[in-house]
């Protein structure tokens, strides 16, 4: 792998990690407050969507199967955070 591809892979994994940890942190401090949960959900969702778009762009450029897997993982995280918000607040 060249350096540009490694850098994009690390940034993608870092974005997934940051968004997941931020959402989990928001859940632990909110005590089921819908306003605080919504703020952390929104920030986490923006990070996940940005990471998803980055994965799609990188896949189109390099055609590596690893980025297809990361796209699937990213969509799974989006679904999991959305399911949590729907189950606990609506």
N, C-alpha and C. Protein backbone atom coordinates (compact mmCIF):
# COMPACT_ATOMS: atom_id res chain seq x y z
N UNK A 1 0.84 -1.18 0.00
CA UNK A 1 0.00 0.00 0.00
C UNK A 1 0.88 1.24 0.00
N UNK A 2 0.46 2.22 -0.74
CA UNK A 2 1.22 3.46 -0.72
C UNK A 2 0.82 4.32 0.48
N UNK A 3 1.55 5.37 0.70
CA UNK A 3 1.36 6.21 1.89
C UNK A 3 0.01 6.91 1.90
N UNK A 4 -0.44 7.36 0.73
CA UNK A 4 -1.73 8.06 0.66
C UNK A 4 -2.88 7.13 1.06
N UNK A 5 -2.83 5.90 0.61
CA UNK A 5 -3.86 4.93 0.95
C UNK A 5 -3.83 4.59 2.44
N UNK A 6 -2.65 4.43 2.99
CA UNK A 6 -2.52 4.17 4.43
C UNK A 6 -3.07 5.34 5.25
N UNK A 7 -2.77 6.54 4.81
CA UNK A 7 -3.25 7.73 5.52
C UNK A 7 -4.77 7.79 5.49
N UNK A 8 -5.36 7.50 4.34
CA UNK A 8 -6.82 7.51 4.25
C UNK A 8 -7.45 6.42 5.10
N UNK A 9 -6.80 5.27 5.16
CA UNK A 9 -7.30 4.18 5.99
C UNK A 9 -7.26 4.57 7.47
N UNK A 10 -6.19 5.17 7.91
CA UNK A 10 -6.06 5.59 9.31
C UNK A 10 -7.08 6.68 9.65
N UNK A 11 -7.29 7.62 8.74
CA UNK A 11 -8.26 8.69 8.98
C UNK A 11 -9.68 8.11 9.04
N UNK A 12 -9.97 7.16 8.17
CA UNK A 12 -11.29 6.52 8.18
C UNK A 12 -11.53 5.77 9.49
N UNK A 13 -10.56 4.97 9.89
CA UNK A 13 -10.71 4.24 11.16
C UNK A 13 -10.76 5.19 12.35
N UNK A 14 -10.00 6.27 12.30
CA UNK A 14 -10.05 7.26 13.37
C UNK A 14 -11.41 7.95 13.44
N UNK A 15 -12.00 8.24 12.30
CA UNK A 15 -13.33 8.85 12.28
C UNK A 15 -14.39 7.93 12.85
N UNK A 16 -14.30 6.65 12.51
CA UNK A 16 -15.24 5.68 13.07
C UNK A 16 -15.09 5.56 14.59
N UNK A 17 -13.84 5.52 15.03
CA UNK A 17 -13.58 5.41 16.47
C UNK A 17 -14.04 6.66 17.22
N UNK A 18 -13.73 7.83 16.69
CA UNK A 18 -14.13 9.07 17.36
C UNK A 18 -15.64 9.20 17.45
N UNK A 19 -16.34 8.89 16.37
CA UNK A 19 -17.79 9.04 16.40
C UNK A 19 -18.44 8.05 17.37
N UNK A 20 -17.93 6.83 17.39
CA UNK A 20 -18.49 5.82 18.29
C UNK A 20 -18.21 6.18 19.75
N UNK A 21 -16.99 6.57 20.05
CA UNK A 21 -16.66 6.95 21.43
C UNK A 21 -17.41 8.19 21.87
N UNK A 22 -17.59 9.15 20.97
CA UNK A 22 -18.33 10.36 21.31
C UNK A 22 -19.79 10.03 21.62
N UNK A 23 -20.39 9.15 20.83
CA UNK A 23 -21.77 8.77 21.08
C UNK A 23 -21.91 8.00 22.39
N UNK A 24 -20.98 7.09 22.66
CA UNK A 24 -21.03 6.34 23.91
C UNK A 24 -20.82 7.27 25.11
N UNK A 25 -19.94 8.25 24.98
CA UNK A 25 -19.74 9.22 26.04
C UNK A 25 -21.01 10.02 26.28
N UNK A 26 -21.68 10.41 25.20
CA UNK A 26 -22.93 11.16 25.34
C UNK A 26 -24.01 10.35 26.01
N UNK A 27 -24.07 9.07 25.71
CA UNK A 27 -25.07 8.20 26.34
C UNK A 27 -24.83 8.11 27.84
N UNK A 28 -23.57 7.99 28.23
CA UNK A 28 -23.27 7.79 29.65
C UNK A 28 -23.53 9.04 30.49
N UNK A 29 -23.37 10.23 29.91
CA UNK A 29 -23.57 11.42 30.73
C UNK A 29 -24.96 12.02 30.60
N UNK A 30 -25.78 11.53 29.67
CA UNK A 30 -27.07 12.18 29.42
C UNK A 30 -28.17 11.74 30.37
N UNK A 31 -28.11 10.52 30.90
CA UNK A 31 -29.15 9.98 31.78
C UNK A 31 -30.51 10.06 31.11
N UNK A 32 -30.58 9.63 29.83
CA UNK A 32 -31.80 9.59 29.01
C UNK A 32 -32.46 10.95 28.83
N UNK A 33 -31.67 12.01 28.82
CA UNK A 33 -32.16 13.33 28.48
C UNK A 33 -32.15 13.45 26.96
N UNK A 34 -33.31 13.70 26.37
CA UNK A 34 -33.41 13.68 24.91
C UNK A 34 -32.61 14.80 24.25
N UNK A 35 -32.47 15.92 24.91
CA UNK A 35 -31.74 17.05 24.32
C UNK A 35 -30.25 16.74 24.24
N UNK A 36 -29.68 16.24 25.31
CA UNK A 36 -28.26 15.90 25.32
C UNK A 36 -27.98 14.73 24.38
N UNK A 37 -28.86 13.74 24.41
CA UNK A 37 -28.70 12.60 23.49
C UNK A 37 -28.78 13.05 22.04
N UNK A 38 -29.67 13.98 21.73
CA UNK A 38 -29.81 14.46 20.36
C UNK A 38 -28.58 15.22 19.90
N UNK A 39 -27.98 15.98 20.79
CA UNK A 39 -26.76 16.71 20.43
C UNK A 39 -25.63 15.75 20.12
N UNK A 40 -25.41 14.79 20.98
CA UNK A 40 -24.34 13.81 20.74
C UNK A 40 -24.66 12.93 19.53
N UNK A 41 -25.92 12.61 19.34
CA UNK A 41 -26.33 11.82 18.18
C UNK A 41 -26.06 12.59 16.88
N UNK A 42 -26.38 13.87 16.88
CA UNK A 42 -26.15 14.69 15.69
C UNK A 42 -24.68 14.80 15.34
N UNK A 43 -23.86 15.06 16.34
CA UNK A 43 -22.42 15.17 16.09
C UNK A 43 -21.86 13.84 15.62
N UNK A 44 -22.27 12.76 16.26
CA UNK A 44 -21.80 11.44 15.88
C UNK A 44 -22.26 11.08 14.47
N UNK A 45 -23.49 11.41 14.15
CA UNK A 45 -24.01 11.12 12.82
C UNK A 45 -23.28 11.91 11.74
N UNK A 46 -22.95 13.15 12.02
CA UNK A 46 -22.17 13.93 11.05
C UNK A 46 -20.79 13.32 10.82
N UNK A 47 -20.15 12.88 11.88
CA UNK A 47 -18.85 12.22 11.72
C UNK A 47 -18.96 10.93 10.94
N UNK A 48 -20.00 10.15 11.21
CA UNK A 48 -20.19 8.89 10.49
C UNK A 48 -20.49 9.12 9.01
N UNK A 49 -21.29 10.11 8.70
CA UNK A 49 -21.60 10.40 7.30
C UNK A 49 -20.36 10.90 6.57
N UNK A 50 -19.58 11.74 7.23
CA UNK A 50 -18.33 12.21 6.63
C UNK A 50 -17.37 11.06 6.37
N UNK A 51 -17.28 10.16 7.32
CA UNK A 51 -16.43 8.99 7.15
C UNK A 51 -16.94 8.10 6.03
N UNK A 52 -18.25 7.94 5.92
CA UNK A 52 -18.84 7.15 4.86
C UNK A 52 -18.53 7.75 3.49
N UNK A 53 -18.68 9.04 3.36
CA UNK A 53 -18.37 9.69 2.09
C UNK A 53 -16.89 9.57 1.73
N UNK A 54 -16.04 9.65 2.75
CA UNK A 54 -14.61 9.47 2.52
C UNK A 54 -14.29 8.06 2.05
N UNK A 55 -14.95 7.07 2.66
CA UNK A 55 -14.75 5.67 2.24
C UNK A 55 -15.20 5.45 0.81
N UNK A 56 -16.33 6.02 0.44
CA UNK A 56 -16.84 5.85 -0.91
C UNK A 56 -15.90 6.49 -1.92
N UNK A 57 -15.41 7.69 -1.61
CA UNK A 57 -14.48 8.36 -2.52
C UNK A 57 -13.18 7.58 -2.66
N UNK A 58 -12.67 7.06 -1.56
CA UNK A 58 -11.43 6.28 -1.60
C UNK A 58 -11.64 4.98 -2.36
N UNK A 59 -12.79 4.35 -2.18
CA UNK A 59 -13.05 3.11 -2.92
C UNK A 59 -13.11 3.37 -4.42
N UNK A 60 -13.74 4.46 -4.82
CA UNK A 60 -13.82 4.77 -6.24
C UNK A 60 -12.44 5.02 -6.84
N UNK A 61 -11.54 5.56 -6.02
CA UNK A 61 -10.21 5.88 -6.53
C UNK A 61 -9.29 4.66 -6.55
N UNK A 62 -9.29 3.85 -5.47
CA UNK A 62 -8.33 2.75 -5.35
C UNK A 62 -8.89 1.36 -5.63
N UNK A 63 -10.22 1.20 -5.58
CA UNK A 63 -10.87 -0.10 -5.82
C UNK A 63 -10.35 -1.21 -4.90
N UNK A 64 -10.17 -0.91 -3.63
CA UNK A 64 -9.74 -1.91 -2.65
C UNK A 64 -10.97 -2.43 -1.91
N UNK A 65 -11.03 -3.74 -1.73
CA UNK A 65 -12.17 -4.39 -1.09
C UNK A 65 -12.27 -4.01 0.40
N UNK A 66 -11.17 -3.60 1.00
CA UNK A 66 -11.15 -3.18 2.40
C UNK A 66 -12.10 -2.01 2.64
N UNK A 67 -12.19 -1.11 1.68
CA UNK A 67 -13.05 0.05 1.86
C UNK A 67 -14.53 -0.31 1.69
N UNK A 68 -14.84 -1.38 0.98
CA UNK A 68 -16.22 -1.87 0.94
C UNK A 68 -16.61 -2.37 2.33
N UNK A 69 -15.70 -3.09 2.96
CA UNK A 69 -15.96 -3.56 4.33
C UNK A 69 -16.16 -2.38 5.28
N UNK A 70 -15.33 -1.34 5.15
CA UNK A 70 -15.48 -0.17 6.01
C UNK A 70 -16.77 0.58 5.74
N UNK A 71 -17.22 0.59 4.50
CA UNK A 71 -18.51 1.20 4.17
C UNK A 71 -19.64 0.44 4.87
N UNK A 72 -19.57 -0.88 4.85
CA UNK A 72 -20.59 -1.70 5.52
C UNK A 72 -20.56 -1.48 7.03
N UNK A 73 -19.37 -1.41 7.61
CA UNK A 73 -19.24 -1.15 9.05
C UNK A 73 -19.79 0.23 9.39
N UNK A 74 -19.50 1.21 8.56
CA UNK A 74 -19.98 2.57 8.80
C UNK A 74 -21.51 2.62 8.74
N UNK A 75 -22.10 1.97 7.77
CA UNK A 75 -23.57 1.93 7.68
C UNK A 75 -24.16 1.21 8.89
N UNK A 76 -23.48 0.17 9.36
CA UNK A 76 -23.95 -0.54 10.55
C UNK A 76 -23.92 0.38 11.78
N UNK A 77 -22.87 1.17 11.93
CA UNK A 77 -22.81 2.11 13.06
C UNK A 77 -23.90 3.17 12.96
N UNK A 78 -24.18 3.65 11.75
CA UNK A 78 -25.26 4.62 11.57
C UNK A 78 -26.60 3.99 11.99
N UNK A 79 -26.83 2.76 11.55
CA UNK A 79 -28.07 2.08 11.93
C UNK A 79 -28.17 1.83 13.43
N UNK A 80 -27.06 1.41 14.05
CA UNK A 80 -27.08 1.14 15.49
C UNK A 80 -27.36 2.39 16.31
N UNK A 81 -26.73 3.50 15.96
CA UNK A 81 -26.98 4.73 16.71
C UNK A 81 -28.41 5.22 16.49
N UNK A 82 -28.91 5.06 15.28
CA UNK A 82 -30.29 5.48 15.00
C UNK A 82 -31.29 4.59 15.72
N UNK A 83 -31.04 3.29 15.75
CA UNK A 83 -31.93 2.37 16.47
C UNK A 83 -31.93 2.69 17.96
N UNK A 84 -30.78 3.03 18.52
CA UNK A 84 -30.73 3.40 19.93
C UNK A 84 -31.60 4.62 20.20
N UNK A 85 -31.46 5.63 19.35
CA UNK A 85 -32.24 6.86 19.57
C UNK A 85 -33.74 6.59 19.41
N UNK A 86 -34.12 5.79 18.45
CA UNK A 86 -35.54 5.50 18.25
C UNK A 86 -36.10 4.68 19.41
N UNK A 87 -35.36 3.68 19.86
CA UNK A 87 -35.86 2.82 20.95
C UNK A 87 -35.95 3.54 22.28
N UNK A 88 -35.05 4.43 22.57
CA UNK A 88 -35.02 5.04 23.89
C UNK A 88 -35.78 6.37 23.99
N UNK A 89 -36.11 6.99 22.88
CA UNK A 89 -36.72 8.32 22.98
C UNK A 89 -38.02 8.47 22.20
N UNK A 90 -38.42 7.48 21.44
CA UNK A 90 -39.65 7.63 20.67
C UNK A 90 -40.53 6.42 20.82
